[in-house]
């Protein structure tokens, strides 16, 4: 298994673990107020902002730990360059990831058009962000395994 495949697997697993653990941690703190209360908007806003920061920091730490463990176990260095294949795979993964997020964004806005509670919009946005991250990692893994 190549470095890029291992990194994609670690990225996929870490994205799932970060999202699930953070959601399970913060879900019990959901406010009991009405659907349009200020506290509900505050909860969802802080949920998104804190999840973004926690996810970025956790991905950076996991990447550093992965590189250290990879170097210790294989005695190889991380590749310092990206060839055309790596760049093409990154572009395809970003395209698929953005596509999933845009579909989720449109669904979230559509939920407001159909008079759904604002909580539905926030949940769709959060889930589409998570799915876009997972889609990017799966796309990279797929293309490194099967080719472009």
Protein backbone atom coordinates (compact mmCIF):
# COMPACT_ATOMS: atom_id res chain seq x y z
CA UNK A 1 0.00 0.00 0.00
CA UNK A 2 1.41 3.39 -0.96
CA UNK A 3 1.86 6.43 1.25
CA UNK A 4 -1.05 8.20 -0.46
CA UNK A 5 -3.41 5.26 0.07
CA UNK A 6 -2.53 5.04 3.75
CA UNK A 7 -2.93 8.79 4.15
CA UNK A 8 -6.38 8.65 2.48
CA UNK A 9 -7.50 5.85 4.80
CA UNK A 10 -6.28 7.73 7.87
CA UNK A 11 -8.02 10.88 6.65
CA UNK A 12 -11.28 9.00 6.08
CA UNK A 13 -11.24 7.31 9.48
CA UNK A 14 -10.28 10.52 11.28
CA UNK A 15 -13.04 12.52 9.56
CA UNK A 16 -15.63 9.97 10.63
CA UNK A 17 -14.32 9.74 14.20
CA UNK A 18 -14.07 13.52 14.63
CA UNK A 19 -17.58 14.16 13.33
CA UNK A 20 -19.26 11.33 15.25
CA UNK A 21 -17.50 12.02 18.54
CA UNK A 22 -18.12 15.77 18.36
CA UNK A 23 -21.78 15.26 17.45
CA UNK A 24 -22.29 12.77 20.28
CA UNK A 25 -20.59 15.17 22.69
CA UNK A 26 -22.61 18.23 21.72
CA UNK A 27 -26.02 16.68 20.99
CA UNK A 28 -27.11 16.42 24.65
CA UNK A 29 -26.59 20.19 24.97
CA UNK A 30 -29.31 20.91 22.37
CA UNK A 31 -31.63 23.64 23.73
CA UNK A 32 -35.21 22.72 24.53
CA UNK A 33 -36.66 26.06 23.38
CA UNK A 34 -38.96 26.61 20.44
CA UNK A 35 -37.92 26.10 16.85
CA UNK A 36 -37.15 29.75 16.21
CA UNK A 37 -35.66 30.73 19.55
CA UNK A 38 -32.46 32.73 19.72
CA UNK A 39 -30.84 29.99 21.79
CA UNK A 40 -31.43 27.46 19.01
CA UNK A 41 -29.68 29.66 16.43
CA UNK A 42 -26.87 30.26 18.89
CA UNK A 43 -26.50 26.52 19.46
CA UNK A 44 -26.31 25.66 15.75
CA UNK A 45 -23.98 28.57 14.99
CA UNK A 46 -21.57 27.55 17.73
CA UNK A 47 -21.90 23.90 16.64
CA UNK A 48 -20.73 24.75 13.11
CA UNK A 49 -17.95 27.12 14.16
CA UNK A 50 -16.52 24.88 16.87
CA UNK A 51 -16.77 21.78 14.65
CA UNK A 52 -14.81 23.62 11.95
CA UNK A 53 -12.03 24.62 14.34
CA UNK A 54 -11.91 21.21 16.07
CA UNK A 55 -11.84 19.42 12.71
CA UNK A 56 -9.00 21.55 11.34
CA UNK A 57 -6.87 21.19 14.46
CA UNK A 58 -7.56 17.45 14.73
CA UNK A 59 -6.72 16.86 11.06
CA UNK A 60 -3.42 18.72 11.46
CA UNK A 61 -2.49 16.75 14.59
CA UNK A 62 -3.49 13.44 13.02
CA UNK A 63 -1.47 14.26 9.89
CA UNK A 64 1.62 15.01 11.98
CA UNK A 65 1.19 11.83 14.02
CA UNK A 66 0.61 9.79 10.84
CA UNK A 67 3.81 11.11 9.27
CA UNK A 68 5.81 10.33 12.42
CA UNK A 69 4.41 6.80 12.68
CA UNK A 70 4.87 6.22 8.93
CA UNK A 71 8.49 7.29 9.09
CA UNK A 72 9.23 5.17 12.16
CA UNK A 73 7.56 2.03 10.82
CA UNK A 74 8.72 2.15 7.20
CA UNK A 75 11.98 4.11 7.50
CA UNK A 76 10.81 6.15 4.50
CA UNK A 77 10.27 9.88 4.23
CA UNK A 78 7.05 11.49 3.13
CA UNK A 79 7.15 12.23 -0.61
CA UNK A 80 8.22 15.85 -1.03
CA UNK A 81 6.81 16.28 -4.51
CA UNK A 82 3.50 15.70 -6.22
CA UNK A 83 3.60 14.48 -9.79
CA UNK A 84 0.88 14.95 -12.39
CA UNK A 85 -1.02 11.89 -11.20
CA UNK A 86 -1.16 13.20 -7.62
CA UNK A 87 -2.35 16.59 -8.82
CA UNK A 88 -5.01 15.04 -11.05
CA UNK A 89 -6.29 12.85 -8.24
CA UNK A 90 -6.42 15.86 -5.90
CA UNK A 91 -8.38 17.82 -8.48
CA UNK A 92 -10.88 15.00 -8.97
CA UNK A 93 -11.28 14.57 -5.21
CA UNK A 94 -11.83 18.31 -4.74
CA UNK A 95 -14.35 18.37 -7.59
CA UNK A 96 -16.37 15.51 -6.10
CA UNK A 97 -16.14 17.00 -2.62
CA UNK A 98 -17.34 20.42 -3.78
CA UNK A 99 -20.14 18.81 -5.79
CA UNK A 100 -21.45 16.98 -2.72
CA UNK A 101 -21.29 20.15 -0.61
CA UNK A 102 -23.06 22.28 -3.25
CA UNK A 103 -25.86 19.70 -3.53
CA UNK A 104 -26.18 19.78 0.26
CA UNK A 105 -26.19 23.59 0.27
CA UNK A 106 -28.95 23.66 -2.34
CA UNK A 107 -30.96 21.11 -0.36
CA UNK A 108 -30.52 23.21 2.79
CA UNK A 109 -31.77 26.33 1.02
CA UNK A 110 -34.60 24.28 -0.50
CA UNK A 111 -35.67 23.20 2.97
CA UNK A 112 -36.26 26.86 3.82
CA UNK A 113 -38.31 27.33 0.64
CA UNK A 114 -40.56 24.45 1.70
CA UNK A 115 -41.12 25.99 5.17
CA UNK A 116 -39.04 23.48 7.09
CA UNK A 117 -37.67 24.56 10.49
CA UNK A 118 -34.31 26.30 10.43
CA UNK A 119 -32.82 23.38 12.36
CA UNK A 120 -33.31 21.21 9.26
CA UNK A 121 -31.24 23.67 7.24
CA UNK A 122 -28.40 23.56 9.75
CA UNK A 123 -28.45 19.78 9.95
CA UNK A 124 -28.36 19.45 6.15
CA UNK A 125 -25.42 21.89 5.94
CA UNK A 126 -23.48 20.06 8.66
CA UNK A 127 -24.14 16.64 7.15
CA UNK A 128 -23.24 17.81 3.65
CA UNK A 129 -19.96 19.23 4.96
CA UNK A 130 -19.18 15.90 6.58
CA UNK A 131 -20.16 13.94 3.48
CA UNK A 132 -18.05 16.19 1.27
CA UNK A 133 -15.00 15.48 3.45
CA UNK A 134 -15.68 11.74 3.31
CA UNK A 135 -16.29 11.91 -0.46
CA UNK A 136 -12.94 13.59 -1.02
CA UNK A 137 -11.09 10.93 0.97
CA UNK A 138 -12.91 8.06 -0.72
CA UNK A 139 -12.26 9.56 -4.17
CA UNK A 140 -8.54 9.82 -3.44
CA UNK A 141 -8.41 6.26 -2.15
CA UNK A 142 -10.35 4.97 -5.16
CA UNK A 143 -8.15 6.69 -7.72
CA UNK A 144 -4.91 5.69 -6.03
CA UNK A 145 -6.10 2.08 -6.03
CA UNK A 146 -7.77 1.89 -9.45
CA UNK A 147 -6.01 4.63 -11.37
CA UNK A 148 -7.43 7.66 -13.10
